[in-house]
Amino acid sequence: MLQDLKVGHILGGTPWRMQTGDMVGIVLAAAVMFLPLVVLHQGDINQGGTGLGGAKYAAPQASLMAILAKGIVEGGMAWPLIIVGVLMAVGLILVKVRSPMLVCVGMYLPLETSFAIFVGGLIKGLLDMRRGTACCSRRA
């Protein structure tokens, strides 16, 4: 949401319109995602699991934040990994990767999650090429 508000400000959006749009988006996302999340959670419990956040449906983002917080609080931060991540991000920016943040975030997600995102992007790319609106085409 911070990026959304920043871009809205740069483009001249008024705060109340941006916040209204964010609230509409939040309410719609909650309404759409409620049932699938309940079904996944209950289905995992019915199969002997612990529900969302357990071994089968792990929450990698929450795990990453927990590891970072623990490293900061206990003083055991894995600085070599942090430095490598920073250098990779700088390298991705220097070679002008279109979305370096997506690449960086995707690196710590499980393969099945990253692969699902890849397949979705591949389908979108194929459909864009078929319509003649490829994402990488440059118009003069």
N, C-alpha and C. Protein backbone atom coordinates (compact mmCIF):
# COMPACT_ATOMS: atom_id res chain seq x y z
N MET A 1 0.82 -1.18 0.00
CA MET A 1 0.00 0.00 0.00
C MET A 1 0.86 1.25 0.00
N LEU A 2 2.02 1.17 0.64
CA LEU A 2 2.90 2.34 0.63
C LEU A 2 3.34 2.69 -0.78
N GLN A 3 3.65 1.68 -1.57
CA GLN A 3 4.05 1.95 -2.96
C GLN A 3 2.87 2.51 -3.74
N ASP A 4 1.68 1.99 -3.48
CA ASP A 4 0.49 2.49 -4.14
C ASP A 4 0.28 3.97 -3.82
N LEU A 5 0.39 4.33 -2.54
CA LEU A 5 0.19 5.72 -2.15
C LEU A 5 1.29 6.61 -2.71
N LYS A 6 2.52 6.11 -2.77
CA LYS A 6 3.62 6.88 -3.33
C LYS A 6 3.39 7.17 -4.81
N VAL A 7 3.03 6.14 -5.57
CA VAL A 7 2.78 6.32 -6.99
C VAL A 7 1.59 7.24 -7.21
N GLY A 8 0.55 7.08 -6.42
CA GLY A 8 -0.61 7.96 -6.52
C GLY A 8 -0.25 9.41 -6.27
N HIS A 9 0.62 9.64 -5.29
CA HIS A 9 1.06 11.00 -4.99
C HIS A 9 1.87 11.57 -6.16
N ILE A 10 2.76 10.76 -6.71
CA ILE A 10 3.57 11.21 -7.85
C ILE A 10 2.68 11.56 -9.04
N LEU A 11 1.62 10.77 -9.24
CA LEU A 11 0.73 11.00 -10.38
C LEU A 11 -0.33 12.07 -10.09
N GLY A 12 -0.33 12.61 -8.88
CA GLY A 12 -1.25 13.69 -8.56
C GLY A 12 -2.56 13.26 -7.96
N GLY A 13 -2.65 12.05 -7.47
CA GLY A 13 -3.88 11.58 -6.84
C GLY A 13 -4.09 12.24 -5.50
N THR A 14 -5.35 12.42 -5.13
CA THR A 14 -5.64 13.01 -3.83
C THR A 14 -5.67 11.91 -2.78
N PRO A 15 -5.26 12.24 -1.55
CA PRO A 15 -5.18 11.19 -0.52
C PRO A 15 -6.50 10.47 -0.29
N TRP A 16 -7.61 11.17 -0.27
CA TRP A 16 -8.87 10.48 0.04
C TRP A 16 -9.26 9.53 -1.08
N ARG A 17 -8.97 9.88 -2.33
CA ARG A 17 -9.28 8.96 -3.43
C ARG A 17 -8.39 7.72 -3.38
N MET A 18 -7.10 7.91 -3.09
CA MET A 18 -6.19 6.77 -3.01
C MET A 18 -6.58 5.85 -1.85
N GLN A 19 -6.92 6.43 -0.71
CA GLN A 19 -7.30 5.63 0.44
C GLN A 19 -8.63 4.92 0.20
N THR A 20 -9.55 5.60 -0.48
CA THR A 20 -10.82 4.96 -0.81
C THR A 20 -10.59 3.77 -1.75
N GLY A 21 -9.74 3.96 -2.74
CA GLY A 21 -9.41 2.87 -3.65
C GLY A 21 -8.75 1.71 -2.94
N ASP A 22 -7.85 2.02 -2.00
CA ASP A 22 -7.20 0.96 -1.22
C ASP A 22 -8.22 0.19 -0.38
N MET A 23 -9.14 0.90 0.24
CA MET A 23 -10.14 0.24 1.08
C MET A 23 -11.06 -0.66 0.24
N VAL A 24 -11.45 -0.17 -0.93
CA VAL A 24 -12.28 -0.99 -1.83
C VAL A 24 -11.51 -2.25 -2.22
N GLY A 25 -10.23 -2.09 -2.56
CA GLY A 25 -9.41 -3.24 -2.93
C GLY A 25 -9.26 -4.24 -1.79
N ILE A 26 -9.09 -3.74 -0.59
CA ILE A 26 -8.93 -4.61 0.58
C ILE A 26 -10.22 -5.40 0.84
N VAL A 27 -11.35 -4.70 0.80
CA VAL A 27 -12.63 -5.36 1.06
C VAL A 27 -12.92 -6.41 -0.02
N LEU A 28 -12.68 -6.07 -1.29
CA LEU A 28 -12.92 -7.04 -2.36
C LEU A 28 -11.99 -8.24 -2.26
N ALA A 29 -10.71 -7.99 -1.96
CA ALA A 29 -9.76 -9.10 -1.82
C ALA A 29 -10.17 -10.01 -0.66
N ALA A 30 -10.58 -9.42 0.44
CA ALA A 30 -11.01 -10.23 1.59
C ALA A 30 -12.25 -11.05 1.25
N ALA A 31 -13.17 -10.44 0.52
CA ALA A 31 -14.39 -11.16 0.15
C ALA A 31 -14.10 -12.32 -0.80
N VAL A 32 -13.19 -12.09 -1.74
CA VAL A 32 -12.88 -13.13 -2.73
C VAL A 32 -12.03 -14.24 -2.12
N MET A 33 -11.10 -13.90 -1.25
CA MET A 33 -10.15 -14.89 -0.73
C MET A 33 -10.65 -15.65 0.50
N PHE A 34 -11.72 -15.20 1.12
CA PHE A 34 -12.18 -15.82 2.36
C PHE A 34 -12.48 -17.30 2.18
N LEU A 35 -13.34 -17.63 1.23
CA LEU A 35 -13.76 -19.03 1.05
C LEU A 35 -12.61 -19.96 0.66
N PRO A 36 -11.76 -19.59 -0.33
CA PRO A 36 -10.64 -20.50 -0.65
C PRO A 36 -9.70 -20.73 0.52
N LEU A 37 -9.45 -19.71 1.32
CA LEU A 37 -8.57 -19.88 2.48
C LEU A 37 -9.19 -20.79 3.53
N VAL A 38 -10.48 -20.65 3.77
CA VAL A 38 -11.17 -21.51 4.72
C VAL A 38 -11.14 -22.96 4.24
N VAL A 39 -11.40 -23.17 2.94
CA VAL A 39 -11.40 -24.52 2.38
C VAL A 39 -10.01 -25.16 2.50
N LEU A 40 -8.95 -24.40 2.15
CA LEU A 40 -7.58 -24.93 2.27
C LEU A 40 -7.24 -25.24 3.72
N HIS A 41 -7.57 -24.34 4.63
CA HIS A 41 -7.26 -24.53 6.04
C HIS A 41 -7.97 -25.77 6.59
N GLN A 42 -9.28 -25.84 6.36
CA GLN A 42 -10.04 -26.96 6.90
C GLN A 42 -9.66 -28.28 6.22
N GLY A 43 -9.39 -28.23 4.93
CA GLY A 43 -8.97 -29.45 4.23
C GLY A 43 -7.68 -30.02 4.78
N ASP A 44 -6.72 -29.14 5.10
CA ASP A 44 -5.46 -29.62 5.67
C ASP A 44 -5.68 -30.19 7.07
N ILE A 45 -6.54 -29.56 7.85
CA ILE A 45 -6.84 -30.09 9.19
C ILE A 45 -7.53 -31.45 9.07
N ASN A 46 -8.45 -31.59 8.12
CA ASN A 46 -9.16 -32.86 7.94
C ASN A 46 -8.22 -33.99 7.53
N GLN A 47 -7.08 -33.65 6.89
CA GLN A 47 -6.10 -34.66 6.47
C GLN A 47 -5.00 -34.84 7.52
N GLY A 48 -5.20 -34.33 8.71
CA GLY A 48 -4.25 -34.54 9.80
C GLY A 48 -3.19 -33.46 9.91
N GLY A 49 -3.30 -32.41 9.15
CA GLY A 49 -2.33 -31.32 9.23
C GLY A 49 -2.73 -30.30 10.28
N THR A 50 -2.04 -29.20 10.30
CA THR A 50 -2.32 -28.14 11.27
C THR A 50 -2.98 -26.93 10.63
N GLY A 51 -3.31 -27.02 9.35
CA GLY A 51 -3.95 -25.89 8.68
C GLY A 51 -2.93 -24.99 8.01
N LEU A 52 -3.38 -23.81 7.62
CA LEU A 52 -2.48 -22.87 6.97
C LEU A 52 -1.34 -22.48 7.90
N GLY A 53 -0.15 -22.40 7.36
CA GLY A 53 1.03 -22.08 8.16
C GLY A 53 1.74 -23.32 8.66
N GLY A 54 1.18 -24.48 8.42
CA GLY A 54 1.80 -25.73 8.83
C GLY A 54 2.81 -26.19 7.78
N ALA A 55 3.18 -27.47 7.86
CA ALA A 55 4.20 -28.00 6.96
C ALA A 55 3.74 -28.03 5.51
N LYS A 56 2.48 -28.40 5.25
CA LYS A 56 2.00 -28.51 3.88
C LYS A 56 1.73 -27.14 3.25
N TYR A 57 1.18 -26.23 4.01
CA TYR A 57 0.89 -24.88 3.53
C TYR A 57 1.68 -23.88 4.35
N ALA A 58 2.97 -23.91 4.16
CA ALA A 58 3.85 -23.03 4.94
C ALA A 58 3.65 -21.57 4.53
N ALA A 59 4.07 -20.67 5.38
CA ALA A 59 4.02 -19.24 5.11
C ALA A 59 5.45 -18.73 5.02
N PRO A 60 6.09 -18.82 3.82
CA PRO A 60 7.51 -18.47 3.73
C PRO A 60 7.81 -17.02 4.05
N GLN A 61 6.89 -16.11 3.73
CA GLN A 61 7.15 -14.71 4.03
C GLN A 61 7.20 -14.49 5.54
N ALA A 62 6.27 -15.11 6.27
CA ALA A 62 6.26 -14.99 7.72
C ALA A 62 7.51 -15.62 8.31
N SER A 63 7.95 -16.75 7.76
CA SER A 63 9.17 -17.40 8.25
C SER A 63 10.39 -16.50 8.03
N LEU A 64 10.46 -15.87 6.87
CA LEU A 64 11.58 -14.98 6.58
C LEU A 64 11.61 -13.82 7.58
N MET A 65 10.46 -13.20 7.82
CA MET A 65 10.40 -12.07 8.76
C MET A 65 10.77 -12.53 10.17
N ALA A 66 10.34 -13.74 10.56
CA ALA A 66 10.68 -14.25 11.88
C ALA A 66 12.18 -14.48 12.01
N ILE A 67 12.80 -15.01 10.96
CA ILE A 67 14.25 -15.24 10.98
C ILE A 67 15.00 -13.91 11.09
N LEU A 68 14.55 -12.93 10.32
CA LEU A 68 15.21 -11.61 10.37
C LEU A 68 15.05 -10.97 11.74
N ALA A 69 13.83 -11.00 12.30
CA ALA A 69 13.60 -10.40 13.61
C ALA A 69 14.44 -11.10 14.69
N LYS A 70 14.48 -12.43 14.62
CA LYS A 70 15.26 -13.18 15.60
C LYS A 70 16.75 -12.85 15.47
N GLY A 71 17.24 -12.74 14.23
CA GLY A 71 18.64 -12.40 14.02
C GLY A 71 18.99 -11.03 14.55
N ILE A 72 18.09 -10.08 14.38
CA ILE A 72 18.34 -8.72 14.87
C ILE A 72 18.31 -8.69 16.40
N VAL A 73 17.29 -9.30 16.99
CA VAL A 73 17.13 -9.26 18.44
C VAL A 73 18.24 -10.03 19.16
N GLU A 74 18.58 -11.21 18.64
CA GLU A 74 19.58 -12.05 19.30
C GLU A 74 21.00 -11.75 18.85
N GLY A 75 21.15 -10.89 17.85
CA GLY A 75 22.49 -10.53 17.38
C GLY A 75 23.14 -11.60 16.52
N GLY A 76 22.36 -12.53 15.99
CA GLY A 76 22.92 -13.61 15.18
C GLY A 76 22.54 -13.48 13.71
N MET A 77 22.54 -12.27 13.21
CA MET A 77 22.15 -12.04 11.82
C MET A 77 23.15 -12.69 10.87
N ALA A 78 22.64 -13.30 9.81
CA ALA A 78 23.49 -13.94 8.79
C ALA A 78 23.94 -12.87 7.79
N TRP A 79 24.91 -12.05 8.20
CA TRP A 79 25.34 -10.91 7.40
C TRP A 79 25.87 -11.30 6.01
N PRO A 80 26.59 -12.40 5.86
CA PRO A 80 27.02 -12.75 4.50
C PRO A 80 25.84 -12.93 3.54
N LEU A 81 24.76 -13.54 4.01
CA LEU A 81 23.59 -13.71 3.16
C LEU A 81 22.93 -12.37 2.85
N ILE A 82 22.88 -11.49 3.82
CA ILE A 82 22.30 -10.16 3.60
C ILE A 82 23.11 -9.40 2.56
N ILE A 83 24.43 -9.45 2.69
CA ILE A 83 25.31 -8.73 1.75
C ILE A 83 25.18 -9.31 0.35
N VAL A 84 25.12 -10.63 0.23
CA VAL A 84 24.93 -11.26 -1.08
C VAL A 84 23.60 -10.81 -1.69
N GLY A 85 22.54 -10.74 -0.88
CA GLY A 85 21.24 -10.29 -1.37
C GLY A 85 21.28 -8.86 -1.86
N VAL A 86 21.97 -8.00 -1.12
CA VAL A 86 22.10 -6.59 -1.54
C VAL A 86 22.87 -6.50 -2.85
N LEU A 87 23.96 -7.24 -2.96
CA LEU A 87 24.76 -7.21 -4.19
C LEU A 87 23.97 -7.75 -5.39
N MET A 88 23.18 -8.80 -5.15
CA MET A 88 22.35 -9.33 -6.24
C MET A 88 21.31 -8.31 -6.67
N ALA A 89 20.70 -7.63 -5.70
CA ALA A 89 19.69 -6.61 -6.04
C ALA A 89 20.32 -5.48 -6.85
N VAL A 90 21.49 -5.03 -6.43
CA VAL A 90 22.19 -3.98 -7.18
C VAL A 90 22.53 -4.46 -8.59
N GLY A 91 23.00 -5.71 -8.70
CA GLY A 91 23.32 -6.27 -10.01
C GLY A 91 22.10 -6.35 -10.91
N LEU A 92 20.95 -6.77 -10.36
CA LEU A 92 19.72 -6.84 -11.14
C LEU A 92 19.29 -5.45 -11.62
N ILE A 93 19.48 -4.46 -10.77
CA ILE A 93 19.13 -3.10 -11.17
C ILE A 93 20.07 -2.61 -12.26
N LEU A 94 21.36 -2.91 -12.12
CA LEU A 94 22.34 -2.46 -13.12
C LEU A 94 22.12 -3.09 -14.49
N VAL A 95 21.67 -4.34 -14.54
CA VAL A 95 21.40 -4.97 -15.83
C VAL A 95 19.97 -4.70 -16.30
N LYS A 96 19.29 -3.83 -15.59
CA LYS A 96 17.96 -3.32 -15.95
C LYS A 96 16.90 -4.42 -16.06
N VAL A 97 16.89 -5.29 -15.05
CA VAL A 97 15.82 -6.28 -14.96
C VAL A 97 14.53 -5.50 -14.71
N ARG A 98 13.46 -5.87 -15.38
CA ARG A 98 12.22 -5.10 -15.29
C ARG A 98 11.64 -5.06 -13.88
N SER A 99 11.71 -6.13 -13.14
CA SER A 99 11.17 -6.18 -11.78
C SER A 99 12.16 -6.86 -10.84
N PRO A 100 13.20 -6.15 -10.43
CA PRO A 100 14.18 -6.79 -9.54
C PRO A 100 13.58 -7.24 -8.22
N MET A 101 12.58 -6.53 -7.74
CA MET A 101 11.95 -6.91 -6.47
C MET A 101 11.25 -8.26 -6.59
N LEU A 102 10.60 -8.51 -7.72
CA LEU A 102 9.94 -9.80 -7.92
C LEU A 102 10.95 -10.93 -7.95
N VAL A 103 12.09 -10.70 -8.59
CA VAL A 103 13.13 -11.73 -8.64
C VAL A 103 13.65 -12.00 -7.23
N CYS A 104 13.90 -10.95 -6.49
CA CYS A 104 14.44 -11.11 -5.13
C CYS A 104 13.45 -11.81 -4.21
N VAL A 105 12.18 -11.42 -4.28
CA VAL A 105 11.16 -12.05 -3.44
C VAL A 105 10.98 -13.52 -3.85
N GLY A 106 11.00 -13.78 -5.14
CA GLY A 106 10.82 -15.14 -5.63
C GLY A 106 11.93 -16.09 -5.23
N MET A 107 13.09 -15.56 -4.86
CA MET A 107 14.22 -16.42 -4.53
C MET A 107 14.03 -17.19 -3.23
N TYR A 108 13.24 -16.65 -2.29
CA TYR A 108 13.08 -17.36 -1.03
C TYR A 108 11.76 -18.11 -0.95
N LEU A 109 10.93 -18.00 -1.98
CA LEU A 109 9.68 -18.76 -1.99
C LEU A 109 9.95 -20.20 -2.40
N PRO A 110 9.10 -21.12 -1.96
CA PRO A 110 9.27 -22.52 -2.37
C PRO A 110 9.09 -22.66 -3.88
N LEU A 111 9.69 -23.70 -4.44
CA LEU A 111 9.66 -23.91 -5.89
C LEU A 111 8.24 -24.00 -6.43
N GLU A 112 7.35 -24.69 -5.73
CA GLU A 112 5.98 -24.82 -6.25
C GLU A 112 5.28 -23.47 -6.34
N THR A 113 5.56 -22.56 -5.41
CA THR A 113 4.98 -21.22 -5.48
C THR A 113 5.59 -20.43 -6.63
N SER A 114 6.92 -20.47 -6.72
CA SER A 114 7.60 -19.75 -7.80
C SER A 114 7.19 -20.29 -9.16
N PHE A 115 7.03 -21.60 -9.26
CA PHE A 115 6.66 -22.20 -10.54
C PHE A 115 5.24 -21.80 -10.94
N ALA A 116 4.33 -21.73 -9.97
CA ALA A 116 2.96 -21.29 -10.26
C ALA A 116 2.97 -19.85 -10.77
N ILE A 117 3.79 -19.00 -10.18
CA ILE A 117 3.91 -17.61 -10.64
C ILE A 117 4.49 -17.58 -12.05
N PHE A 118 5.50 -18.42 -12.30
CA PHE A 118 6.11 -18.49 -13.63
C PHE A 118 5.10 -18.93 -14.68
N VAL A 119 4.32 -19.95 -14.37
CA VAL A 119 3.32 -20.44 -15.33
C VAL A 119 2.29 -19.35 -15.62
N GLY A 120 1.86 -18.63 -14.58
CA GLY A 120 0.93 -17.53 -14.78
C GLY A 120 1.51 -16.45 -15.68
N GLY A 121 2.77 -16.10 -15.46
CA GLY A 121 3.43 -15.11 -16.32
C GLY A 121 3.60 -15.61 -17.74
N LEU A 122 3.89 -16.89 -17.88
CA LEU A 122 4.04 -17.48 -19.22
C LEU A 122 2.72 -17.44 -19.99
N ILE A 123 1.63 -17.78 -19.31
CA ILE A 123 0.32 -17.72 -19.95
C ILE A 123 -0.02 -16.29 -20.35
N LYS A 124 0.25 -15.34 -19.46
CA LYS A 124 -0.02 -13.93 -19.79
C LYS A 124 0.83 -13.49 -20.98
N GLY A 125 2.10 -13.87 -20.99
CA GLY A 125 2.97 -13.51 -22.10
C GLY A 125 2.50 -14.08 -23.41
N LEU A 126 2.07 -15.34 -23.41
CA LEU A 126 1.56 -15.97 -24.64
C LEU A 126 0.29 -15.29 -25.12
N LEU A 127 -0.60 -14.97 -24.20
CA LEU A 127 -1.83 -14.28 -24.59
C LEU A 127 -1.54 -12.88 -25.13
N ASP A 128 -0.60 -12.17 -24.50
CA ASP A 128 -0.21 -10.84 -24.99
C ASP A 128 0.39 -10.93 -26.39
N MET A 129 1.23 -11.95 -26.63
CA MET A 129 1.82 -12.10 -27.96
C MET A 129 0.74 -12.41 -28.99
N ARG A 130 -0.24 -13.21 -28.60
CA ARG A 130 -1.32 -13.56 -29.53
C ARG A 130 -2.17 -12.34 -29.88
N ARG A 131 -2.38 -11.47 -28.88
CA ARG A 131 -3.15 -10.24 -29.13
C ARG A 131 -2.31 -9.16 -29.79
N GLY A 132 -0.99 -9.35 -29.80
CA GLY A 132 -0.11 -8.34 -30.39
C GLY A 132 0.25 -7.22 -29.43
N THR A 133 0.07 -7.47 -28.13
CA THR A 133 0.41 -6.45 -27.13
C THR A 133 1.48 -6.98 -26.19
N ALA A 134 2.55 -7.53 -26.76
CA ALA A 134 3.61 -8.12 -25.95
C ALA A 134 4.15 -7.09 -24.98
N CYS A 135 4.49 -7.54 -23.78
CA CYS A 135 4.93 -6.64 -22.73
C CYS A 135 6.25 -5.97 -23.05
N CYS A 136 7.06 -6.59 -23.86
CA CYS A 136 8.40 -6.07 -24.11
C CYS A 136 8.49 -5.25 -25.39
N SER A 137 7.39 -5.10 -26.11
CA SER A 137 7.47 -4.35 -27.35
C SER A 137 7.61 -2.87 -27.06
N ARG A 138 8.39 -2.20 -27.85
CA ARG A 138 8.64 -0.77 -27.68
C ARG A 138 7.91 -0.02 -28.79
N ARG A 139 7.15 0.96 -28.39
CA ARG A 139 6.45 1.78 -29.39
C ARG A 139 7.14 3.13 -29.46
N ALA A 140 7.34 3.61 -30.68
CA ALA A 140 8.01 4.90 -30.84
C ALA A 140 7.02 6.04 -30.80
